[in-house]
């Protein structure tokens, strides 16, 4: 596969994986703190597994760079006390106080726990220069075997000289 196509597919995978990783960590962490159950554990483990797959060396580094930048940027924005009301705003429109409260708790857990951890892992996986290089070209096939030339017959041995004794 050519390098450009590999990076294009990696960028697409990174863009698709970013909300999945964020949602898996946010939902899994909030629900596991409320009551341990298999569904939040599966969401949390699925998000961690997706981070591991994106960090793999067989994918383009853009697959881990894009979600890493997004999640780390979210964590840095929270640490810098920037206005993240756009992230919390959908919780105000959810029906019911418990759903809105759960959403807001999930957002808080994401920016305080999931985003820094996953973002740093994904950015660290993108740093290695070997992931940015294309695979080496396959070695050329060896030439077909040539028919062996017949070896010439050895020269005849000298005639035996009779001894005088």
C-alpha atoms as a PDB file:
ATOM      1  CA  UNK A   1       0.000   0.000   0.000  1.00  0.00           C
ATOM      2  CA  UNK A   2       1.340   3.396  -0.847  1.00  0.00           C
ATOM      3  CA  UNK A   3       2.224   5.735   1.983  1.00  0.00           C
ATOM      4  CA  UNK A   4      -0.370   8.373   1.062  1.00  0.00           C
ATOM      5  CA  UNK A   5      -3.212   5.877   1.083  1.00  0.00           C
ATOM      6  CA  UNK A   6      -1.984   4.440   4.378  1.00  0.00           C
ATOM      7  CA  UNK A   7      -1.977   7.899   5.992  1.00  0.00           C
ATOM      8  CA  UNK A   8      -5.403   8.730   4.552  1.00  0.00           C
ATOM      9  CA  UNK A   9      -6.900   5.548   5.989  1.00  0.00           C
ATOM     10  CA  UNK A  10      -5.135   6.218   9.289  1.00  0.00           C
ATOM     11  CA  UNK A  11      -6.578   9.730   9.471  1.00  0.00           C
ATOM     12  CA  UNK A  12     -10.057   8.344   8.841  1.00  0.00           C
ATOM     13  CA  UNK A  13      -9.621   5.714  11.528  1.00  0.00           C
ATOM     14  CA  UNK A  14      -8.384   8.363  13.956  1.00  0.00           C
ATOM     15  CA  UNK A  15     -11.337  10.651  13.282  1.00  0.00           C
ATOM     16  CA  UNK A  16     -13.812   7.805  13.758  1.00  0.00           C
ATOM     17  CA  UNK A  17     -12.116   6.520  16.890  1.00  0.00           C
ATOM     18  CA  UNK A  18     -11.912   9.843  18.751  1.00  0.00           C
ATOM     19  CA  UNK A  19     -15.570  10.021  19.864  1.00  0.00           C
ATOM     20  CA  UNK A  20     -15.637   6.278  20.558  1.00  0.00           C
ATOM     21  CA  UNK A  21     -12.653   6.480  22.881  1.00  0.00           C
ATOM     22  CA  UNK A  22     -14.042   9.567  24.618  1.00  0.00           C
ATOM     23  CA  UNK A  23     -17.491   8.059  25.085  1.00  0.00           C
ATOM     24  CA  UNK A  24     -16.125   4.709  26.260  1.00  0.00           C
ATOM     25  CA  UNK A  25     -13.890   6.264  28.902  1.00  0.00           C
ATOM     26  CA  UNK A  26     -16.508   8.784  30.056  1.00  0.00           C
ATOM     27  CA  UNK A  27     -19.396   6.337  30.315  1.00  0.00           C
ATOM     28  CA  UNK A  28     -17.325   3.502  31.715  1.00  0.00           C
ATOM     29  CA  UNK A  29     -15.663   5.599  34.397  1.00  0.00           C
ATOM     30  CA  UNK A  30     -18.841   7.291  35.607  1.00  0.00           C
ATOM     31  CA  UNK A  31     -20.943   4.135  35.702  1.00  0.00           C
ATOM     32  CA  UNK A  32     -18.204   2.066  37.366  1.00  0.00           C
ATOM     33  CA  UNK A  33     -18.020   4.639  40.159  1.00  0.00           C
ATOM     34  CA  UNK A  34     -21.799   4.412  40.688  1.00  0.00           C
ATOM     35  CA  UNK A  35     -22.197   0.625  40.626  1.00  0.00           C
ATOM     36  CA  UNK A  36     -19.849  -1.965  39.138  1.00  0.00           C
ATOM     37  CA  UNK A  37     -21.573  -3.721  36.274  1.00  0.00           C
ATOM     38  CA  UNK A  38     -20.480  -5.535  33.112  1.00  0.00           C
ATOM     39  CA  UNK A  39     -21.725  -2.925  30.596  1.00  0.00           C
ATOM     40  CA  UNK A  40     -19.639   0.023  31.872  1.00  0.00           C
ATOM     41  CA  UNK A  41     -16.703  -2.313  32.306  1.00  0.00           C
ATOM     42  CA  UNK A  42     -17.090  -3.432  28.691  1.00  0.00           C
ATOM     43  CA  UNK A  43     -17.259   0.211  27.519  1.00  0.00           C
ATOM     44  CA  UNK A  44     -14.154   1.076  29.508  1.00  0.00           C
ATOM     45  CA  UNK A  45     -12.267  -2.005  28.283  1.00  0.00           C
ATOM     46  CA  UNK A  46     -13.402  -1.391  24.699  1.00  0.00           C
ATOM     47  CA  UNK A  47     -12.079   2.166  24.818  1.00  0.00           C
ATOM     48  CA  UNK A  48      -8.758   0.941  26.222  1.00  0.00           C
ATOM     49  CA  UNK A  49      -8.579  -1.759  23.553  1.00  0.00           C
ATOM     50  CA  UNK A  50      -9.258   0.811  20.838  1.00  0.00           C
ATOM     51  CA  UNK A  51      -6.433   2.980  22.192  1.00  0.00           C
ATOM     52  CA  UNK A  52      -4.158  -0.063  21.992  1.00  0.00           C
ATOM     53  CA  UNK A  53      -5.160  -0.821  18.417  1.00  0.00           C
ATOM     54  CA  UNK A  54      -4.600   2.789  17.369  1.00  0.00           C
ATOM     55  CA  UNK A  55      -1.170   2.683  18.987  1.00  0.00           C
ATOM     56  CA  UNK A  56      -0.167  -0.374  16.981  1.00  0.00           C
ATOM     57  CA  UNK A  57       2.716  -0.087  14.577  1.00  0.00           C
ATOM     58  CA  UNK A  58       0.831  -1.524  11.583  1.00  0.00           C
ATOM     59  CA  UNK A  59      -1.410   1.548  11.279  1.00  0.00           C
ATOM     60  CA  UNK A  60      -0.505   5.005  10.113  1.00  0.00           C
ATOM     61  CA  UNK A  61       0.649   7.271  12.936  1.00  0.00           C
ATOM     62  CA  UNK A  62      -2.194   9.640  12.048  1.00  0.00           C
ATOM     63  CA  UNK A  63      -4.574   7.044  13.508  1.00  0.00           C
ATOM     64  CA  UNK A  64      -3.112   7.738  16.944  1.00  0.00           C
ATOM     65  CA  UNK A  65      -2.027  11.354  16.431  1.00  0.00           C
ATOM     66  CA  UNK A  66      -5.477  12.842  15.710  1.00  0.00           C
ATOM     67  CA  UNK A  67      -7.314  11.374  18.727  1.00  0.00           C
ATOM     68  CA  UNK A  68      -4.234  11.999  20.859  1.00  0.00           C
ATOM     69  CA  UNK A  69      -4.223  15.685  19.946  1.00  0.00           C
ATOM     70  CA  UNK A  70      -7.971  16.003  20.499  1.00  0.00           C
ATOM     71  CA  UNK A  71      -7.986  14.293  23.902  1.00  0.00           C
ATOM     72  CA  UNK A  72      -4.800  15.954  25.133  1.00  0.00           C
ATOM     73  CA  UNK A  73      -6.098  19.320  23.929  1.00  0.00           C
ATOM     74  CA  UNK A  74      -9.294  18.746  25.887  1.00  0.00           C
ATOM     75  CA  UNK A  75      -7.311  17.941  29.033  1.00  0.00           C
ATOM     76  CA  UNK A  76      -5.010  20.952  28.569  1.00  0.00           C
ATOM     77  CA  UNK A  77      -8.036  23.208  28.029  1.00  0.00           C
ATOM     78  CA  UNK A  78      -9.474  21.985  31.317  1.00  0.00           C
ATOM     79  CA  UNK A  79      -6.166  22.524  33.125  1.00  0.00           C
ATOM     80  CA  UNK A  80      -5.843  26.019  31.651  1.00  0.00           C
ATOM     81  CA  UNK A  81      -9.371  26.748  32.881  1.00  0.00           C
ATOM     82  CA  UNK A  82     -10.619  27.599  29.411  1.00  0.00           C
ATOM     83  CA  UNK A  83     -14.347  27.833  28.792  1.00  0.00           C
ATOM     84  CA  UNK A  84     -15.646  24.346  28.013  1.00  0.00           C
ATOM     85  CA  UNK A  85     -19.321  25.273  28.196  1.00  0.00           C
ATOM     86  CA  UNK A  86     -19.770  24.045  24.617  1.00  0.00           C
ATOM     87  CA  UNK A  87     -18.929  20.576  25.880  1.00  0.00           C
ATOM     88  CA  UNK A  88     -21.318  20.736  28.801  1.00  0.00           C
ATOM     89  CA  UNK A  89     -24.155  22.444  26.880  1.00  0.00           C
ATOM     90  CA  UNK A  90     -25.798  19.286  25.446  1.00  0.00           C
ATOM     91  CA  UNK A  91     -26.437  18.105  29.014  1.00  0.00           C
ATOM     92  CA  UNK A  92     -28.798  21.027  29.559  1.00  0.00           C
ATOM     93  CA  UNK A  93     -31.055  19.842  26.731  1.00  0.00           C
ATOM     94  CA  UNK A  94     -31.345  16.236  27.844  1.00  0.00           C
ATOM     95  CA  UNK A  95     -34.694  15.172  29.209  1.00  0.00           C
ATOM     96  CA  UNK A  96     -34.743  14.441  32.899  1.00  0.00           C
ATOM     97  CA  UNK A  97     -32.471  15.592  35.658  1.00  0.00           C
ATOM     98  CA  UNK A  98     -30.759  12.214  36.125  1.00  0.00           C
ATOM     99  CA  UNK A  99     -29.751  11.941  32.463  1.00  0.00           C
ATOM    100  CA  UNK A 100     -28.376  15.479  32.451  1.00  0.00           C
ATOM    101  CA  UNK A 101     -26.534  14.825  35.703  1.00  0.00           C
ATOM    102  CA  UNK A 102     -25.040  11.621  34.324  1.00  0.00           C
ATOM    103  CA  UNK A 103     -23.938  13.410  31.157  1.00  0.00           C
ATOM    104  CA  UNK A 104     -22.284  16.216  33.085  1.00  0.00           C
ATOM    105  CA  UNK A 105     -20.560  13.720  35.392  1.00  0.00           C
ATOM    106  CA  UNK A 106     -19.314  11.804  32.344  1.00  0.00           C
ATOM    107  CA  UNK A 107     -17.895  14.983  30.819  1.00  0.00           C
ATOM    108  CA  UNK A 108     -16.144  15.837  34.096  1.00  0.00           C
ATOM    109  CA  UNK A 109     -14.637  12.358  34.338  1.00  0.00           C
ATOM    110  CA  UNK A 110     -13.544  12.476  30.726  1.00  0.00           C
ATOM    111  CA  UNK A 111     -11.636  15.732  31.057  1.00  0.00           C
ATOM    112  CA  UNK A 112     -10.138  14.788  34.421  1.00  0.00           C
ATOM    113  CA  UNK A 113      -9.211  11.134  33.827  1.00  0.00           C
ATOM    114  CA  UNK A 114      -9.848   9.637  30.377  1.00  0.00           C
ATOM    115  CA  UNK A 115      -8.610  12.429  28.154  1.00  0.00           C
ATOM    116  CA  UNK A 116      -5.185  12.944  29.752  1.00  0.00           C
ATOM    117  CA  UNK A 117      -4.427   9.242  30.039  1.00  0.00           C
ATOM    118  CA  UNK A 118      -5.546   8.213  26.567  1.00  0.00           C
ATOM    119  CA  UNK A 119      -4.223  11.383  24.940  1.00  0.00           C
ATOM    120  CA  UNK A 120      -0.726  10.931  26.327  1.00  0.00           C
ATOM    121  CA  UNK A 121      -0.595   7.258  25.312  1.00  0.00           C
ATOM    122  CA  UNK A 122      -1.772   8.040  21.791  1.00  0.00           C
ATOM    123  CA  UNK A 123       0.633  10.945  21.362  1.00  0.00           C
ATOM    124  CA  UNK A 124       3.543   8.855  22.624  1.00  0.00           C
ATOM    125  CA  UNK A 125       2.702   6.158  20.084  1.00  0.00           C
ATOM    126  CA  UNK A 126       2.810   8.723  17.261  1.00  0.00           C
ATOM    127  CA  UNK A 127       6.274  10.036  18.097  1.00  0.00           C
ATOM    128  CA  UNK A 128       8.343   7.110  16.814  1.00  0.00           C
ATOM    129  CA  UNK A 129       9.928   7.983  13.441  1.00  0.00           C
ATOM    130  CA  UNK A 130       9.686   4.410  12.210  1.00  0.00           C
ATOM    131  CA  UNK A 131       5.890   4.694  12.104  1.00  0.00           C
ATOM    132  CA  UNK A 132       6.088   7.599   9.661  1.00  0.00           C
ATOM    133  CA  UNK A 133       8.303   5.786   7.164  1.00  0.00           C
ATOM    134  CA  UNK A 134       6.911   3.599   4.435  1.00  0.00           C
ATOM    135  CA  UNK A 135       7.626  -0.085   4.574  1.00  0.00           C
ATOM    136  CA  UNK A 136      10.744  -1.143   2.762  1.00  0.00           C
ATOM    137  CA  UNK A 137      10.171  -2.440  -0.723  1.00  0.00           C
ATOM    138  CA  UNK A 138       9.982  -6.168  -1.114  1.00  0.00           C
ATOM    139  CA  UNK A 139      13.267  -7.680  -2.248  1.00  0.00           C
ATOM    140  CA  UNK A 140      13.460  -8.526  -5.905  1.00  0.00           C
ATOM    141  CA  UNK A 141      12.907 -12.126  -6.843  1.00  0.00           C
ATOM    142  CA  UNK A 142      16.117 -14.022  -7.446  1.00  0.00           C
ATOM    143  CA  UNK A 143      16.872 -14.741 -11.111  1.00  0.00           C
ATOM    144  CA  UNK A 144      15.690 -18.105 -12.369  1.00  0.00           C
ATOM    145  CA  UNK A 145      18.271 -20.861 -12.066  1.00  0.00           C
ATOM    146  CA  UNK A 146      20.494 -21.245 -15.091  1.00  0.00           C
ATOM    147  CA  UNK A 147      21.164 -24.692 -16.487  1.00  0.00           C
ATOM    148  CA  UNK A 148      24.499 -25.891 -15.254  1.00  0.00           C
ATOM    149  CA  UNK A 149      27.254 -26.273 -17.776  1.00  0.00           C
ATOM    150  CA  UNK A 150      28.694 -29.717 -18.022  1.00  0.00           C
ATOM    151  CA  UNK A 151      32.047 -29.953 -16.397  1.00  0.00           C
ATOM    152  CA  UNK A 152      34.756 -31.020 -18.787  1.00  0.00           C
ATOM    153  CA  UNK A 153      36.245 -34.450 -18.355  1.00  0.00           C
ATOM    154  CA  UNK A 154      39.544 -34.478 -16.499  1.00  0.00           C
ATOM    155  CA  UNK A 155      42.687 -34.975 -18.585  1.00  0.00           C
ATOM    156  CA  UNK A 156      43.835 -38.549 -18.890  1.00  0.00           C
ATOM    157  CA  UNK A 157      46.253 -39.827 -16.301  1.00  0.00           C
ATOM    158  CA  UNK A 158      49.853 -40.415 -17.433  1.00  0.00           C
ATOM    159  CA  UNK A 159      50.735 -43.943 -18.336  1.00  0.00           C
ATOM    160  CA  UNK A 160      52.429 -45.879 -15.665  1.00  0.00           C
ATOM    161  CA  UNK A 161      56.152 -45.922 -15.993  1.00  0.00           C
ATOM    162  CA  UNK A 162      57.515 -49.351 -15.184  1.00  0.00           C
ATOM    163  CA  UNK A 163      59.996 -49.357 -12.413  1.00  0.00           C
ATOM    164  CA  UNK A 164      63.533 -50.590 -12.915  1.00  0.00           C
ATOM    165  CA  UNK A 165      63.555 -52.717  -9.866  1.00  0.00           C
END
